[in-house]
Amino acid sequence: MNSAICLHNATVLTGLSVMKRCAVYIKNDKIAEVYNEHRFNNKKFSSKVKIIDVNGAYILPGFIDTHIHGIGGFGADDADYKSILKMSEILPQYGVTSFIPTCCTAPEDILIKKIKSIIRAMGHEKGAKILGIHLEGPFLSPERIGAQALNGISKVDLDLMGRLWKASKGNIINMTVAPELKGMRELALYCIKKGIVLQAGHTNATYDQMIEGMQANIMHITHLFDAMRPMHHREPGVVGAALIHPEISCEIIGDGVHVNPNLIHLLMKSKPLNQIVLITDALPPAKTTLSPDSELYLDKVFYRKKDNVINGSAISMLDGVQNLISYGIPLEKIIKMASTNPAQIMKQPDIGLILPGKKADLLVMDADLNIKHTIINGKIIKEK
């Protein structure tokens, strides 16, 4: 069924520029035109076009969460396609139009069940689109395991990687690995052929090992500063490599606890803006109330009760964006980190920008960054 929407009287943040007093015309599932208000006023629209005056609000590309374990009580580690679809339904209210469900480490049989549950959900979303799968493991360092399950870690095993790839039906988009592991170069070459974006994370790699990883195209870093060798003045480590080399891109968790806000400012001074990706790393209990018998407790982030280890984030992408605003970061820069950069780094050319021909995945937000409309594939999914 053909459909058309024109949103006008807006400030449009395209991901490339800021355009005041502009309109965005959507036809079917794509952005057809972006033009100024003067041109809008001179156009004649069919009675079938839905005209929406957004009263000066922002129009932004939809948020893309490339590292999320769960939200609203549902998660990728449930190994249940219904949980993935529930995530899809919940995420648009927080501005997310696309996401990559992230699987924690697990023994092979369980990990394959998780992968297959995501594959079964793909194509049946009622909300945010599932782009593919992020495997956070199993080829990680036991020395930097963080909250991951130790029994799910594996030495580099190309046969195992082949079985995971087969189970995914070619839908593994990104994978977190420890570059220092023996056999990593061979694994990286395999992943290059499959188009998988490799990320350094849960790693104890030295600076030199990170440079070797770069030569094998491990060019993105999972939740920078967390679960990795820190920077030392005599051994720059993983963090030093990220700060020294502008060609390396990285994730940053925007909850204000995993990474001190001042370090986010330092990072933005040290790296090109297009190399920074805002993520949530949210766990399934995010945006819920924890039960008294939960293994976790919440103090801005989730901690394990048994050892006080930070287990993951409790924020949504909308929370992260609003946090960065409170740190004094301009909205147009945040949008690049939340929308444009993740699309480009994860090789998703149809989303992340407001340009003719791109998918119509958009947000309309008021001056206080409250969401008025979430639009996915040209359809209004959430309307305030």
Protein backbone atom coordinates (compact mmCIF):
# COMPACT_ATOMS: atom_id res chain seq x y z
CA MET A 1 0.00 0.00 0.00
CA ASN A 2 1.41 3.38 -1.01
CA SER A 3 1.77 5.99 1.73
CA ALA A 4 3.22 9.46 2.04
CA ILE A 5 3.98 11.74 4.99
CA CYS A 6 5.40 15.24 5.02
CA LEU A 7 6.86 16.55 8.28
CA HIS A 8 7.45 20.29 8.15
CA ASN A 9 8.34 23.34 10.23
CA ALA A 10 11.31 21.48 11.69
CA THR A 11 14.99 21.74 12.47
CA VAL A 12 16.43 18.79 10.58
CA LEU A 13 19.64 17.21 11.85
CA THR A 14 20.60 15.09 8.86
CA GLY A 15 23.69 13.49 10.37
CA LEU A 16 25.76 15.73 8.10
CA SER A 17 24.35 19.20 8.76
CA VAL A 18 21.72 21.20 10.63
CA MET A 19 18.89 22.61 8.49
CA LYS A 20 16.48 25.06 10.11
CA ARG A 21 12.88 25.60 8.99
CA CYS A 22 12.82 22.53 6.79
CA ALA A 23 10.55 19.68 5.76
CA VAL A 24 11.08 15.95 5.19
CA TYR A 25 8.89 14.20 2.64
CA ILE A 26 8.48 10.43 3.07
CA LYS A 27 7.09 8.20 0.37
CA ASN A 28 6.44 4.58 1.25
CA ASP A 29 9.47 3.42 3.25
CA LYS A 30 12.02 5.98 2.06
CA ILE A 31 12.94 9.62 2.35
CA ALA A 32 11.88 11.19 -0.94
CA GLU A 33 12.94 14.82 -0.39
CA VAL A 34 14.36 17.22 2.16
CA TYR A 35 13.64 20.90 1.48
CA ASN A 36 13.17 24.25 3.16
CA GLU A 37 9.89 25.62 4.44
CA HIS A 38 9.60 28.08 1.57
CA ARG A 39 9.60 25.24 -0.96
CA PHE A 40 7.15 23.31 1.22
CA ASN A 41 4.72 26.23 1.18
CA ASN A 42 4.87 26.39 -2.62
CA LYS A 43 4.21 22.69 -3.13
CA LYS A 44 0.83 21.17 -3.88
CA PHE A 45 0.29 17.85 -2.14
CA SER A 46 -2.21 15.14 -2.89
CA SER A 47 -5.01 14.75 -0.36
CA LYS A 48 -3.51 11.32 0.40
CA VAL A 49 -0.34 12.85 1.84
CA LYS A 50 -0.39 13.12 5.64
CA ILE A 51 0.92 16.60 6.54
CA ILE A 52 2.34 16.98 10.05
CA ASP A 53 3.39 20.36 11.43
CA VAL A 54 6.01 19.52 14.07
CA ASN A 55 6.01 23.09 15.42
CA GLY A 56 9.72 23.69 15.36
CA ALA A 57 10.74 20.29 16.71
CA TYR A 58 13.85 18.40 15.70
CA ILE A 59 13.80 15.68 13.05
CA LEU A 60 16.67 13.24 13.51
CA PRO A 61 17.80 9.90 12.11
CA GLY A 62 16.58 7.06 14.33
CA PHE A 63 18.99 5.78 16.96
CA ILE A 64 20.91 2.59 16.18
CA ASP A 65 22.01 0.49 19.16
CA THR A 66 24.80 -1.82 18.02
CA HIS A 67 25.46 -3.28 21.48
CA ILE A 68 22.40 -4.17 23.52
CA HIS A 69 21.73 -7.33 25.51
CA GLY A 70 18.15 -6.57 26.45
CA ILE A 71 15.53 -4.16 27.74
CA GLY A 72 12.17 -4.26 29.49
CA GLY A 73 12.78 -7.73 30.91
CA PHE A 74 13.64 -9.34 27.57
CA GLY A 75 17.02 -10.18 26.11
CA ALA A 76 19.11 -11.93 23.49
CA ASP A 77 20.45 -14.38 26.06
CA ASP A 78 16.93 -15.75 26.65
CA ALA A 79 17.46 -17.84 23.50
CA ASP A 80 13.80 -17.19 22.66
CA TYR A 81 12.72 -15.40 19.48
CA LYS A 82 9.72 -13.96 21.34
CA SER A 83 12.10 -12.04 23.63
CA ILE A 84 13.88 -10.55 20.62
CA LEU A 85 10.55 -9.44 19.16
CA LYS A 86 9.58 -7.90 22.51
CA MET A 87 12.82 -5.91 22.43
CA SER A 88 11.83 -4.72 18.97
CA GLU A 89 8.44 -3.54 20.26
CA ILE A 90 9.88 -1.73 23.30
CA LEU A 91 12.83 0.07 21.73
CA PRO A 92 10.97 2.64 19.55
CA GLN A 93 9.67 4.42 22.64
CA TYR A 94 13.32 5.17 23.42
CA GLY A 95 14.11 6.35 19.90
CA VAL A 96 15.74 3.16 18.61
CA THR A 97 14.78 2.27 15.04
CA SER A 98 17.44 -0.43 14.46
CA PHE A 99 19.45 -2.63 16.78
CA ILE A 100 21.90 -5.51 16.91
CA PRO A 101 20.97 -8.00 19.65
CA THR A 102 24.13 -8.92 21.52
CA CYS A 103 24.83 -12.45 22.79
CA CYS A 104 27.07 -13.04 25.78
CA THR A 105 29.50 -15.93 25.92
CA ALA A 106 28.02 -19.39 26.49
CA PRO A 107 28.84 -23.03 25.74
CA GLU A 108 28.43 -23.77 22.04
CA ASP A 109 25.02 -25.47 22.20
CA ILE A 110 23.51 -22.57 24.17
CA LEU A 111 25.18 -19.93 22.01
CA ILE A 112 23.79 -21.53 18.87
CA LYS A 113 20.29 -21.49 20.40
CA LYS A 114 20.68 -17.76 21.03
CA ILE A 115 21.82 -17.19 17.46
CA LYS A 116 18.94 -19.19 16.01
CA SER A 117 16.39 -17.32 18.13
CA ILE A 118 17.55 -14.01 16.64
CA ILE A 119 17.43 -15.44 13.11
CA ARG A 120 13.89 -16.68 13.73
CA ALA A 121 12.82 -13.19 14.87
CA MET A 122 14.33 -11.33 11.92
CA GLY A 123 11.72 -10.18 9.44
CA HIS A 124 8.89 -10.37 11.98
CA GLU A 125 9.59 -7.15 13.89
CA LYS A 126 6.75 -4.84 14.86
CA GLY A 127 9.11 -2.11 15.99
CA ALA A 128 12.85 -1.56 15.75
CA LYS A 129 14.56 -3.48 12.97
CA ILE A 130 17.00 -6.28 13.75
CA LEU A 131 20.10 -5.66 11.67
CA GLY A 132 21.84 -8.90 12.58
CA ILE A 133 23.81 -10.40 15.46
CA HIS A 134 26.61 -9.16 17.68
CA LEU A 135 28.60 -11.97 19.30
CA GLU A 136 30.40 -10.70 22.38
CA GLY A 137 32.69 -13.73 22.42
CA PRO A 138 33.42 -16.59 22.66
CA PHE A 139 37.05 -15.75 21.79
CA LEU A 140 37.78 -13.50 24.77
CA SER A 141 40.51 -13.15 27.38
CA PRO A 142 39.87 -14.88 30.72
CA GLU A 143 41.95 -12.10 32.31
CA ARG A 144 39.42 -9.45 31.27
CA ILE A 145 36.23 -11.46 31.48
CA GLY A 146 34.24 -8.80 33.35
CA ALA A 147 30.68 -10.06 33.79
CA GLN A 148 30.91 -12.61 30.99
CA ALA A 149 30.57 -16.34 31.73
CA LEU A 150 33.96 -18.04 32.02
CA ASN A 151 32.56 -21.38 30.80
CA GLY A 152 31.58 -19.73 27.54
CA ILE A 153 35.08 -18.58 26.61
CA SER A 154 36.94 -20.54 23.96
CA LYS A 155 40.39 -20.62 22.42
CA VAL A 156 40.35 -19.54 18.80
CA ASP A 157 38.67 -22.36 16.88
CA LEU A 158 37.94 -21.89 13.19
CA ASP A 159 35.65 -24.93 13.10
CA LEU A 160 33.58 -23.47 15.93
CA MET A 161 33.49 -20.13 14.12
CA GLY A 162 32.23 -21.92 11.01
CA ARG A 163 29.42 -23.54 12.97
CA LEU A 164 28.39 -20.20 14.50
CA TRP A 165 28.40 -18.59 11.06
CA LYS A 166 26.30 -21.41 9.63
CA ALA A 167 23.78 -21.12 12.48
CA SER A 168 23.51 -17.39 11.83
CA LYS A 169 22.76 -17.93 8.13
CA GLY A 170 25.32 -15.24 7.40
CA ASN A 171 23.84 -12.66 9.79
CA ILE A 172 26.69 -12.06 12.23
CA ILE A 173 27.38 -8.34 11.76
CA ASN A 174 29.95 -7.72 14.48
CA MET A 175 31.98 -9.82 16.87
CA THR A 176 33.98 -8.92 19.98
CA VAL A 177 37.34 -10.71 20.23
CA ALA A 178 40.61 -10.52 22.16
CA PRO A 179 43.30 -9.69 19.56
CA GLU A 180 46.11 -11.28 21.60
CA LEU A 181 44.72 -14.82 21.42
CA LYS A 182 46.74 -17.41 19.52
CA GLY A 183 45.26 -18.03 16.08
CA MET A 184 43.42 -14.68 16.01
CA ARG A 185 44.95 -13.65 12.69
CA GLU A 186 43.49 -16.72 10.97
CA LEU A 187 40.11 -16.04 12.56
CA ALA A 188 40.26 -12.41 11.49
CA LEU A 189 40.99 -13.37 7.89
CA TYR A 190 37.98 -15.71 7.96
CA CYS A 191 35.79 -12.90 9.31
CA ILE A 192 37.06 -10.44 6.70
CA LYS A 193 35.83 -12.79 3.98
CA LYS A 194 32.41 -12.97 5.67
CA GLY A 195 32.14 -9.19 6.12
CA ILE A 196 32.08 -9.39 9.93
CA VAL A 197 33.17 -6.24 11.78
CA LEU A 198 35.71 -7.31 14.41
CA GLN A 199 35.87 -5.43 17.69
CA ALA A 200 38.59 -5.61 20.34
CA GLY A 201 37.03 -6.17 23.74
CA HIS A 202 37.35 -8.20 26.93
CA THR A 203 41.02 -8.16 26.03
CA ASN A 204 44.35 -7.92 27.81
CA ALA A 205 46.19 -7.02 24.60
CA THR A 206 49.32 -4.93 24.80
CA TYR A 207 49.77 -1.94 22.54
CA ASP A 208 51.90 -4.00 20.15
CA GLN A 209 49.27 -6.74 20.05
CA MET A 210 46.63 -4.14 19.25
CA ILE A 211 48.76 -2.89 16.36
CA GLU A 212 48.98 -6.49 15.09
CA GLY A 213 45.21 -6.72 15.42
CA MET A 214 44.82 -3.58 13.34
CA GLN A 215 46.78 -5.27 10.57
CA ALA A 216 44.15 -8.03 10.67
CA ASN A 217 41.35 -5.44 10.40
CA ILE A 218 40.34 -5.42 14.08
CA MET A 219 39.52 -1.73 13.88
CA HIS A 220 36.61 -1.19 16.28
CA ILE A 221 36.69 -1.35 20.09
CA THR A 222 33.96 -2.71 22.35
CA HIS A 223 32.91 -0.41 25.25
CA LEU A 224 36.18 1.52 25.33
CA PHE A 225 37.85 1.76 28.79
CA ASP A 226 35.85 -1.19 30.17
CA ALA A 227 37.06 -4.82 30.37
CA MET A 228 40.43 -4.16 28.73
CA ARG A 229 44.06 -3.38 29.52
CA PRO A 230 44.13 0.27 30.59
CA MET A 231 46.60 2.88 29.43
CA HIS A 232 49.94 3.11 31.23
CA HIS A 233 52.68 5.59 30.39
CA ARG A 234 55.08 2.74 29.61
CA GLU A 235 52.50 0.39 28.06
CA PRO A 236 49.70 2.22 26.22
CA GLY A 237 47.59 -0.95 25.98
CA VAL A 238 44.22 -1.11 24.27
CA VAL A 239 43.05 2.28 25.50
CA GLY A 240 46.27 3.93 24.39
CA ALA A 241 45.97 2.38 20.94
CA ALA A 242 42.45 3.80 20.61
CA LEU A 243 43.56 7.29 21.60
CA ILE A 244 46.76 7.27 19.53
CA HIS A 245 45.32 5.92 16.28
CA PRO A 246 42.53 8.02 14.75
CA GLU A 247 41.64 5.23 12.31
CA ILE A 248 40.40 3.02 15.16
CA SER A 249 36.71 3.45 15.97
CA CYS A 250 35.17 2.70 19.36
CA GLU A 251 32.00 2.24 21.36
CA ILE A 252 31.25 4.36 24.40
CA ILE A 253 28.60 3.59 27.04
CA GLY A 254 26.70 6.78 27.83
CA ASP A 255 25.49 6.08 31.37
CA GLY A 256 28.08 8.29 33.11
CA VAL A 257 29.33 5.41 35.29
CA HIS A 258 31.07 3.02 32.91
CA VAL A 259 32.96 6.04 31.56
CA ASN A 260 33.45 9.29 33.43
CA PRO A 261 31.91 12.17 31.44
CA ASN A 262 35.25 14.00 31.40
CA LEU A 263 36.80 11.04 29.60
CA ILE A 264 34.10 11.30 26.94
CA HIS A 265 35.19 14.90 26.35
CA LEU A 266 38.83 13.76 26.19
CA LEU A 267 37.90 11.07 23.69
CA MET A 268 36.09 13.58 21.49
CA LYS A 269 39.20 15.77 21.48
CA SER A 270 41.43 12.80 20.67
CA LYS A 271 39.46 11.05 17.95
CA PRO A 272 37.59 12.09 14.80
CA LEU A 273 33.91 12.39 15.67
CA ASN A 274 32.94 9.84 13.02
CA GLN A 275 34.89 7.14 14.90
CA ILE A 276 32.81 7.24 18.10
CA VAL A 277 29.64 5.15 18.57
CA LEU A 278 27.21 5.63 21.44
CA ILE A 279 25.85 2.35 22.83
CA THR A 280 23.82 1.22 25.82
CA ASP A 281 25.24 -2.25 26.62
CA ALA A 282 21.86 -2.52 28.37
CA LEU A 283 20.84 -5.68 30.20
CA PRO A 284 17.34 -7.22 30.08
CA PRO A 285 16.25 -5.61 33.40
CA ALA A 286 16.87 -2.12 31.96
CA LYS A 287 13.73 0.04 32.32
CA THR A 288 12.17 -2.46 34.75
CA THR A 289 12.01 -2.85 38.54
CA LEU A 290 14.33 -5.54 39.90
CA SER A 291 12.77 -8.26 42.01
CA PRO A 292 14.15 -8.73 45.56
CA ASP A 293 15.61 -12.12 44.62
CA SER A 294 17.49 -10.76 41.60
CA GLU A 295 21.21 -11.55 41.36
CA LEU A 296 21.74 -7.88 40.51
CA TYR A 297 21.25 -4.57 42.25
CA LEU A 298 20.89 -1.18 40.60
CA ASP A 299 22.97 1.86 41.48
CA LYS A 300 22.89 3.81 38.20
CA VAL A 301 24.29 0.63 36.58
CA PHE A 302 23.70 -3.04 37.36
CA TYR A 303 26.08 -4.73 39.80
CA ARG A 304 26.31 -8.41 40.72
CA LYS A 305 25.37 -8.85 44.36
CA LYS A 306 27.89 -11.64 44.95
CA ASP A 307 31.02 -9.64 44.04
CA ASN A 308 29.97 -6.05 43.22
CA VAL A 309 31.24 -6.42 39.65
CA ILE A 310 29.52 -4.06 37.20
CA ASN A 311 27.31 -6.32 35.13
CA GLY A 312 25.99 -3.89 32.54
CA SER A 313 24.07 -0.75 31.85
CA ALA A 314 20.51 0.20 32.75
CA ILE A 315 20.04 2.96 30.19
CA SER A 316 18.21 3.34 26.91
CA MET A 317 19.68 5.14 23.90
CA LEU A 318 17.43 8.08 24.74
CA ASP A 319 18.94 8.19 28.23
CA GLY A 320 22.42 8.12 26.73
CA VAL A 321 21.64 10.99 24.36
CA GLN A 322 20.14 13.06 27.16
CA ASN A 323 23.14 12.30 29.38
CA LEU A 324 25.57 13.53 26.72
CA ILE A 325 23.50 16.69 26.35
CA SER A 326 23.85 17.24 30.11
CA TYR A 327 27.64 16.92 29.72
CA GLY A 328 27.59 19.87 27.34
CA ILE A 329 27.96 17.96 24.06
CA PRO A 330 26.02 19.52 21.15
CA LEU A 331 23.05 17.55 19.86
CA GLU A 332 24.32 17.49 16.26
CA LYS A 333 27.48 15.71 17.43
CA ILE A 334 25.54 13.28 19.57
CA ILE A 335 23.34 12.33 16.62
CA LYS A 336 26.42 11.33 14.67
CA MET A 337 27.43 9.03 17.53
CA ALA A 338 23.95 7.59 18.05
CA SER A 339 22.81 7.22 14.43
CA THR A 340 25.18 8.10 11.61
CA ASN A 341 28.42 6.55 12.85
CA PRO A 342 26.99 3.15 13.89
CA ALA A 343 25.32 2.80 10.49
CA GLN A 344 28.53 3.56 8.64
CA ILE A 345 30.83 1.45 10.81
CA MET A 346 28.43 -1.52 10.72
CA LYS A 347 28.11 -1.23 6.92
CA GLN A 348 24.43 -0.27 6.87
CA PRO A 349 24.31 2.28 4.03
CA ASP A 350 20.50 2.68 3.95
CA ILE A 351 20.12 4.16 7.44
CA GLY A 352 21.69 6.71 9.78
CA LEU A 353 21.27 9.79 7.59
CA ILE A 354 18.36 11.97 6.49
CA LEU A 355 18.96 12.06 2.75
CA PRO A 356 16.77 11.26 -0.27
CA GLY A 357 16.86 7.55 -0.98
CA LYS A 358 17.63 6.49 2.59
CA LYS A 359 15.19 4.46 4.66
CA ALA A 360 12.65 6.63 6.47
CA ASP A 361 13.78 5.76 10.01
CA LEU A 362 13.26 9.05 11.83
CA LEU A 363 12.60 10.65 15.18
CA VAL A 364 10.69 13.83 15.92
CA MET A 365 11.84 15.30 19.24
CA ASP A 366 10.86 18.49 21.02
CA ALA A 367 13.31 21.03 22.48
CA ASP A 368 13.50 19.02 25.72
CA LEU A 369 14.36 15.86 23.72
CA ASN A 370 11.06 14.18 24.37
CA ILE A 371 10.06 11.89 21.51
CA LYS A 372 6.92 13.00 19.66
CA HIS A 373 7.10 10.49 16.79
CA THR A 374 9.18 7.42 16.00
CA ILE A 375 9.01 6.51 12.31
CA ILE A 376 10.35 3.19 11.00
CA ASN A 377 10.27 2.28 7.30
CA GLY A 378 8.03 5.30 6.71
CA LYS A 379 5.42 4.24 9.29
CA ILE A 380 4.69 6.05 12.52
CA ILE A 381 5.41 3.44 15.20
CA LYS A 382 5.18 5.70 18.23
CA GLU A 383 3.19 8.91 18.43
CA LYS A 384 2.98 11.05 21.55
